[in-house]
């Protein structure tokens, strides 16, 4: 997530991401778009956040970071 100046050349690592796309900030910070999924891994409970935008599936750490940003700036669930 970031603000990229027009004309800046960057290259996403194919080892890190499957796609790069733009989502309006207002939409990204809408808390109602994030849905919890409680999982168990190696005997520990974890909550994972899931979201969809257009045909993109945003989940895990990425969704959690964006959701936490919305909470940190004071948006209410």
N, C-alpha and C. Protein backbone atom coordinates (compact mmCIF):
# COMPACT_ATOMS: atom_id res chain seq x y z
N UNK A 1 0.85 -1.16 0.00
CA UNK A 1 0.00 0.00 0.00
C UNK A 1 0.89 1.21 0.00
N UNK A 2 0.60 2.16 -0.88
CA UNK A 2 1.42 3.36 -0.93
C UNK A 2 0.91 4.33 -1.96
N UNK A 3 1.52 5.50 -1.94
CA UNK A 3 1.23 6.53 -2.95
C UNK A 3 2.42 6.55 -3.87
N UNK A 4 2.19 6.29 -5.13
CA UNK A 4 3.26 6.21 -6.11
C UNK A 4 3.15 7.40 -7.05
N UNK A 5 4.20 8.22 -7.12
CA UNK A 5 4.15 9.38 -8.01
C UNK A 5 4.03 8.94 -9.48
N UNK A 6 3.33 9.74 -10.29
CA UNK A 6 3.22 9.40 -11.71
C UNK A 6 4.61 9.27 -12.35
N UNK A 7 4.75 8.28 -13.19
CA UNK A 7 5.99 8.09 -13.92
C UNK A 7 7.07 7.31 -13.18
N UNK A 8 6.86 7.00 -11.92
CA UNK A 8 7.86 6.24 -11.17
C UNK A 8 7.91 4.82 -11.70
N UNK A 9 9.08 4.36 -12.01
CA UNK A 9 9.25 2.99 -12.49
C UNK A 9 9.52 2.06 -11.31
N UNK A 10 8.77 1.02 -11.17
CA UNK A 10 9.00 0.03 -10.13
C UNK A 10 8.69 -1.34 -10.70
N UNK A 11 9.21 -2.35 -10.04
CA UNK A 11 9.00 -3.72 -10.48
C UNK A 11 8.64 -4.57 -9.27
N UNK A 12 7.48 -5.15 -9.29
CA UNK A 12 7.05 -6.03 -8.20
C UNK A 12 7.80 -7.35 -8.30
N UNK A 13 8.19 -7.89 -7.18
CA UNK A 13 8.87 -9.17 -7.15
C UNK A 13 7.86 -10.28 -7.36
N UNK A 14 8.07 -11.11 -8.35
CA UNK A 14 7.16 -12.22 -8.60
C UNK A 14 7.21 -13.24 -7.45
N UNK A 15 8.27 -13.18 -6.65
CA UNK A 15 8.37 -14.06 -5.48
C UNK A 15 7.54 -13.55 -4.31
N UNK A 16 7.08 -12.29 -4.37
CA UNK A 16 6.38 -11.67 -3.25
C UNK A 16 4.89 -11.44 -3.51
N UNK A 17 4.52 -11.13 -4.73
CA UNK A 17 3.13 -10.76 -5.03
C UNK A 17 2.65 -11.46 -6.29
N UNK A 18 1.35 -11.71 -6.35
CA UNK A 18 0.79 -12.33 -7.54
C UNK A 18 0.22 -11.29 -8.50
N UNK A 19 -0.09 -10.08 -7.98
CA UNK A 19 -0.63 -9.02 -8.83
C UNK A 19 -0.45 -7.68 -8.12
N UNK A 20 -0.37 -6.63 -8.91
CA UNK A 20 -0.35 -5.26 -8.40
C UNK A 20 -1.60 -4.59 -8.95
N UNK A 21 -2.38 -3.96 -8.08
CA UNK A 21 -3.60 -3.29 -8.53
C UNK A 21 -3.84 -2.06 -7.67
N UNK A 22 -4.71 -1.19 -8.15
CA UNK A 22 -5.05 0.02 -7.42
C UNK A 22 -6.46 -0.11 -6.84
N UNK A 23 -6.59 0.38 -5.61
CA UNK A 23 -7.89 0.43 -4.94
C UNK A 23 -8.00 1.82 -4.33
N UNK A 24 -9.12 2.50 -4.51
CA UNK A 24 -9.26 3.81 -3.89
C UNK A 24 -9.08 3.71 -2.37
N UNK A 25 -8.38 4.70 -1.78
CA UNK A 25 -8.11 4.67 -0.35
C UNK A 25 -9.40 4.58 0.46
N UNK A 26 -10.42 5.32 0.07
CA UNK A 26 -11.69 5.27 0.79
C UNK A 26 -12.24 3.85 0.83
N UNK A 27 -12.08 3.13 -0.25
CA UNK A 27 -12.56 1.74 -0.32
C UNK A 27 -11.67 0.83 0.53
N UNK A 28 -10.36 1.02 0.46
CA UNK A 28 -9.43 0.18 1.22
C UNK A 28 -9.65 0.32 2.72
N UNK A 29 -10.03 1.52 3.17
CA UNK A 29 -10.18 1.78 4.60
C UNK A 29 -11.58 1.49 5.12
N UNK A 30 -12.48 1.02 4.28
CA UNK A 30 -13.84 0.69 4.71
C UNK A 30 -13.80 -0.63 5.49
N UNK A 31 -13.94 -0.54 6.79
CA UNK A 31 -13.78 -1.71 7.66
C UNK A 31 -14.77 -2.83 7.36
N UNK A 32 -15.94 -2.50 6.87
CA UNK A 32 -16.94 -3.53 6.60
C UNK A 32 -16.53 -4.47 5.47
N UNK A 33 -15.50 -4.13 4.74
CA UNK A 33 -15.05 -5.00 3.65
C UNK A 33 -14.20 -6.17 4.15
N UNK A 34 -13.73 -6.11 5.41
CA UNK A 34 -12.85 -7.14 5.94
C UNK A 34 -13.64 -8.14 6.78
N UNK A 35 -13.42 -9.41 6.51
CA UNK A 35 -14.16 -10.49 7.17
C UNK A 35 -13.16 -11.41 7.87
N UNK A 36 -13.44 -11.76 9.14
CA UNK A 36 -12.50 -12.62 9.87
C UNK A 36 -12.67 -14.10 9.51
N UNK A 37 -11.56 -14.79 9.55
CA UNK A 37 -11.56 -16.24 9.44
C UNK A 37 -10.65 -16.74 10.55
N UNK A 38 -11.20 -17.49 11.49
CA UNK A 38 -10.42 -18.03 12.59
C UNK A 38 -9.89 -19.40 12.20
N UNK A 39 -8.58 -19.55 12.31
CA UNK A 39 -7.93 -20.81 11.94
C UNK A 39 -7.06 -21.28 13.09
N UNK A 40 -6.68 -22.54 13.02
CA UNK A 40 -5.74 -23.10 13.99
C UNK A 40 -4.53 -23.59 13.22
N UNK A 41 -3.35 -23.18 13.69
CA UNK A 41 -2.12 -23.59 13.03
C UNK A 41 -1.11 -23.97 14.11
N UNK A 42 -0.62 -25.18 14.00
CA UNK A 42 0.35 -25.69 14.97
C UNK A 42 -0.15 -25.55 16.40
N UNK A 43 -1.44 -25.80 16.58
CA UNK A 43 -2.03 -25.78 17.90
C UNK A 43 -2.37 -24.40 18.45
N UNK A 44 -2.23 -23.36 17.64
CA UNK A 44 -2.51 -21.99 18.08
C UNK A 44 -3.64 -21.40 17.24
N UNK A 45 -4.51 -20.67 17.91
CA UNK A 45 -5.60 -19.98 17.20
C UNK A 45 -5.09 -18.69 16.59
N UNK A 46 -5.52 -18.41 15.36
CA UNK A 46 -5.15 -17.19 14.65
C UNK A 46 -6.38 -16.64 13.94
N UNK A 47 -6.48 -15.34 13.89
CA UNK A 47 -7.52 -14.70 13.10
C UNK A 47 -6.87 -14.13 11.84
N UNK A 48 -7.42 -14.49 10.70
CA UNK A 48 -6.95 -14.01 9.41
C UNK A 48 -8.07 -13.16 8.82
N UNK A 49 -7.71 -12.04 8.19
CA UNK A 49 -8.71 -11.16 7.58
C UNK A 49 -8.75 -11.38 6.08
N UNK A 50 -9.96 -11.36 5.54
CA UNK A 50 -10.20 -11.60 4.11
C UNK A 50 -10.98 -10.43 3.53
N UNK A 51 -10.71 -10.12 2.27
CA UNK A 51 -11.45 -9.07 1.58
C UNK A 51 -11.37 -9.32 0.08
N UNK A 52 -12.29 -8.76 -0.64
CA UNK A 52 -12.30 -8.85 -2.10
C UNK A 52 -12.45 -7.45 -2.65
N UNK A 53 -11.78 -7.19 -3.76
CA UNK A 53 -11.95 -5.93 -4.48
C UNK A 53 -11.92 -6.28 -5.96
N UNK A 54 -13.01 -5.94 -6.64
CA UNK A 54 -13.17 -6.35 -8.04
C UNK A 54 -12.92 -7.85 -8.12
N UNK A 55 -11.96 -8.31 -8.89
CA UNK A 55 -11.70 -9.75 -8.96
C UNK A 55 -10.45 -10.15 -8.16
N UNK A 56 -10.01 -9.27 -7.27
CA UNK A 56 -8.83 -9.54 -6.46
C UNK A 56 -9.22 -10.01 -5.06
N UNK A 57 -8.50 -10.97 -4.56
CA UNK A 57 -8.69 -11.50 -3.22
C UNK A 57 -7.54 -10.99 -2.37
N UNK A 58 -7.85 -10.22 -1.34
CA UNK A 58 -6.86 -9.65 -0.44
C UNK A 58 -7.03 -10.35 0.90
N UNK A 59 -5.96 -10.90 1.45
CA UNK A 59 -6.11 -11.69 2.66
C UNK A 59 -4.83 -11.69 3.48
N UNK A 60 -4.92 -12.31 4.63
CA UNK A 60 -3.75 -12.51 5.47
C UNK A 60 -3.13 -11.22 5.96
N UNK A 61 -1.81 -11.16 5.93
CA UNK A 61 -1.10 -10.01 6.45
C UNK A 61 -1.46 -8.73 5.71
N UNK A 62 -1.62 -8.80 4.41
CA UNK A 62 -1.96 -7.60 3.64
C UNK A 62 -3.29 -7.02 4.10
N UNK A 63 -4.32 -7.85 4.17
CA UNK A 63 -5.63 -7.38 4.63
C UNK A 63 -5.55 -6.90 6.08
N UNK A 64 -4.80 -7.60 6.91
CA UNK A 64 -4.67 -7.23 8.31
C UNK A 64 -3.99 -5.88 8.49
N UNK A 65 -2.96 -5.60 7.70
CA UNK A 65 -2.25 -4.32 7.78
C UNK A 65 -3.16 -3.18 7.37
N UNK A 66 -3.89 -3.34 6.27
CA UNK A 66 -4.78 -2.27 5.81
C UNK A 66 -5.90 -2.05 6.81
N UNK A 67 -6.47 -3.12 7.34
CA UNK A 67 -7.54 -2.99 8.33
C UNK A 67 -7.02 -2.30 9.59
N UNK A 68 -5.85 -2.67 10.03
CA UNK A 68 -5.26 -2.05 11.22
C UNK A 68 -4.99 -0.57 10.99
N UNK A 69 -4.57 -0.19 9.79
CA UNK A 69 -4.39 1.23 9.46
C UNK A 69 -5.69 1.98 9.63
N UNK A 70 -6.78 1.42 9.13
CA UNK A 70 -8.10 2.06 9.28
C UNK A 70 -8.45 2.25 10.76
N UNK A 71 -8.17 1.24 11.57
CA UNK A 71 -8.44 1.34 13.00
C UNK A 71 -7.55 2.39 13.66
N UNK A 72 -6.29 2.45 13.27
CA UNK A 72 -5.34 3.39 13.86
C UNK A 72 -5.69 4.84 13.56
N UNK A 73 -6.29 5.10 12.41
CA UNK A 73 -6.68 6.49 12.10
C UNK A 73 -8.05 6.82 12.65
N UNK A 74 -8.64 5.87 13.38
CA UNK A 74 -9.85 6.16 14.13
C UNK A 74 -11.16 5.79 13.48
N UNK A 75 -11.12 5.01 12.40
CA UNK A 75 -12.37 4.57 11.80
C UNK A 75 -13.00 3.51 12.71
N UNK A 76 -14.30 3.47 12.74
CA UNK A 76 -15.03 2.54 13.60
C UNK A 76 -15.58 1.39 12.77
N UNK A 77 -15.51 0.15 13.36
CA UNK A 77 -16.07 -1.01 12.63
C UNK A 77 -17.58 -0.90 12.45
